[in-house]
Protein backbone atom coordinates (compact mmCIF):
# COMPACT_ATOMS: atom_id res chain seq x y z
CA GLN A 1 0.00 0.00 0.00
CA VAL A 2 1.41 3.36 -1.03
CA ARG A 3 1.46 6.08 1.59
CA LEU A 4 1.67 9.73 0.57
CA VAL A 5 2.30 12.38 3.21
CA GLU A 6 1.92 16.06 2.38
CA SER A 7 3.13 18.95 4.53
CA GLY A 8 3.96 22.63 4.40
CA GLY A 9 0.56 24.23 4.10
CA GLY A 10 -0.66 27.10 6.24
CA LEU A 11 -2.26 30.51 6.36
CA VAL A 12 -0.61 33.22 4.30
CA GLN A 13 -1.55 36.66 3.04
CA ALA A 14 -2.09 37.30 -0.64
CA GLY A 15 1.25 37.78 -2.36
CA GLY A 16 3.03 35.47 0.04
CA SER A 17 4.79 32.17 -0.54
CA LEU A 18 4.64 28.60 0.71
CA ARG A 19 6.62 25.47 -0.08
CA LEU A 20 4.77 22.18 0.02
CA SER A 21 6.48 18.82 0.44
CA CYS A 22 5.33 15.27 -0.16
CA THR A 23 7.01 11.99 0.65
CA ALA A 24 6.07 8.64 -0.83
CA SER A 25 6.55 5.17 0.61
CA VAL A 26 7.01 3.49 -2.76
CA SER A 27 10.24 2.51 -4.47
CA ILE A 28 8.86 3.09 -7.97
CA PHE A 29 8.31 6.76 -7.19
CA SER A 30 11.26 7.70 -9.40
CA ILE A 31 9.70 6.33 -12.58
CA ARG A 32 6.27 7.84 -12.08
CA ASN A 33 4.95 11.06 -13.52
CA MET A 34 3.90 12.92 -10.39
CA GLY A 35 1.61 15.83 -9.78
CA TRP A 36 0.21 18.25 -7.27
CA HIS A 37 -3.57 18.35 -7.16
CA ARG A 38 -5.82 20.68 -5.22
CA GLN A 39 -9.42 20.71 -4.12
CA ALA A 40 -11.17 23.90 -3.13
CA PRO A 41 -14.42 23.84 -1.12
CA GLY A 42 -17.32 22.83 -3.33
CA LYS A 43 -15.10 22.13 -6.32
CA GLN A 44 -13.64 19.05 -7.94
CA ARG A 45 -10.04 18.09 -7.40
CA GLU A 46 -7.80 19.49 -10.14
CA LEU A 47 -4.25 18.87 -11.27
CA VAL A 48 -2.21 22.07 -11.05
CA ALA A 49 1.36 20.93 -11.69
CA SER A 50 3.10 17.82 -12.94
CA ILE A 51 6.62 16.55 -13.44
CA ASN A 52 7.81 13.50 -15.31
CA SER A 53 10.59 11.12 -14.34
CA ILE A 54 13.27 13.24 -16.03
CA GLY A 55 12.07 16.57 -14.66
CA ARG A 56 9.92 17.95 -17.44
CA THR A 57 7.19 20.10 -15.91
CA ASN A 58 3.72 21.27 -16.83
CA TYR A 59 1.35 23.69 -15.14
CA SER A 60 -2.29 24.62 -15.31
CA ASP A 61 -2.98 28.13 -16.56
CA PRO A 62 -4.09 29.55 -13.18
CA VAL A 63 -0.71 28.77 -11.54
CA LYS A 64 1.68 29.10 -14.47
CA GLY A 65 4.51 31.49 -13.68
CA ARG A 66 3.80 31.40 -9.93
CA PHE A 67 4.22 27.74 -8.91
CA THR A 68 7.26 25.51 -9.42
CA ILE A 69 7.17 21.74 -9.05
CA SER A 70 10.31 19.72 -8.37
CA ARG A 71 11.26 16.28 -7.19
CA ASP A 72 14.08 14.46 -5.42
CA ASN A 73 13.91 10.83 -6.50
CA ALA A 74 16.55 9.72 -4.01
CA LYS A 75 14.37 11.00 -1.18
CA LYS A 76 11.13 9.93 -2.88
CA ALA A 77 9.98 13.50 -2.38
CA LEU A 78 7.92 15.97 -4.37
CA TYR A 79 7.84 19.72 -3.81
CA LEU A 80 5.70 22.67 -4.83
CA GLN A 81 7.04 26.18 -4.44
CA MET A 82 4.11 28.59 -4.51
CA ASN A 83 4.77 32.29 -4.95
CA SER A 84 2.49 35.30 -5.42
CA LEU A 85 -0.33 33.40 -3.79
CA LYS A 86 -3.90 34.52 -4.41
CA PRO A 87 -7.08 33.90 -2.39
CA GLU A 88 -8.28 31.61 -5.20
CA ASP A 89 -5.33 29.30 -4.45
CA THR A 90 -7.04 28.38 -1.17
CA ALA A 91 -7.54 24.61 -1.21
CA VAL A 92 -6.32 21.32 0.18
CA TYR A 93 -3.26 20.26 -1.79
CA TYR A 94 -2.42 16.64 -2.53
CA CYS A 95 0.39 14.85 -4.28
CA ASN A 96 -0.18 11.72 -6.36
CA THR A 97 0.53 10.38 -9.79
CA ILE A 98 -0.96 12.48 -12.55
CA SER A 99 -3.94 10.14 -12.82
CA GLY A 100 -4.37 9.75 -9.08
CA LEU A 101 -3.33 6.11 -9.20
CA TRP A 102 -2.39 5.72 -5.55
CA ASP A 103 -4.43 6.15 -2.38
CA TRP A 104 -4.81 9.83 -1.56
CA GLY A 105 -3.03 11.19 1.50
CA GLN A 106 -4.55 13.58 3.99
CA GLY A 107 -3.43 16.60 2.00
CA THR A 108 -2.21 19.91 3.37
CA GLN A 109 -4.44 22.95 3.76
CA VAL A 110 -3.40 26.19 2.08
CA THR A 111 -5.38 29.28 3.00
CA VAL A 112 -4.65 32.62 1.36
CA SER A 113 -6.22 35.68 2.92
CA SER A 114 -6.94 38.83 0.95
């Protein structure tokens, strides 16, 4: 059973920054295309950033230019640097494969005040 643990969320003012971290308990982490997903209240979960096994990244339009995804395969870790945060970024953030293949972790709450 794969265990994903997210951390790093919190309350921040608009324009601020946060860095999210995720660790995975699976040895095949390094070959998986990974992503950060988020779910805002009353909305469906959405993929906001992804990174493939060799570091190629992709971002959804709302976060492009503000968020940066990275990974450390040796540590089985995934990161999301979030800058210039906006109130609409408020959500619970989760890491998983791009398709959400593994069991979802508890996520980490990000709240951006205006």
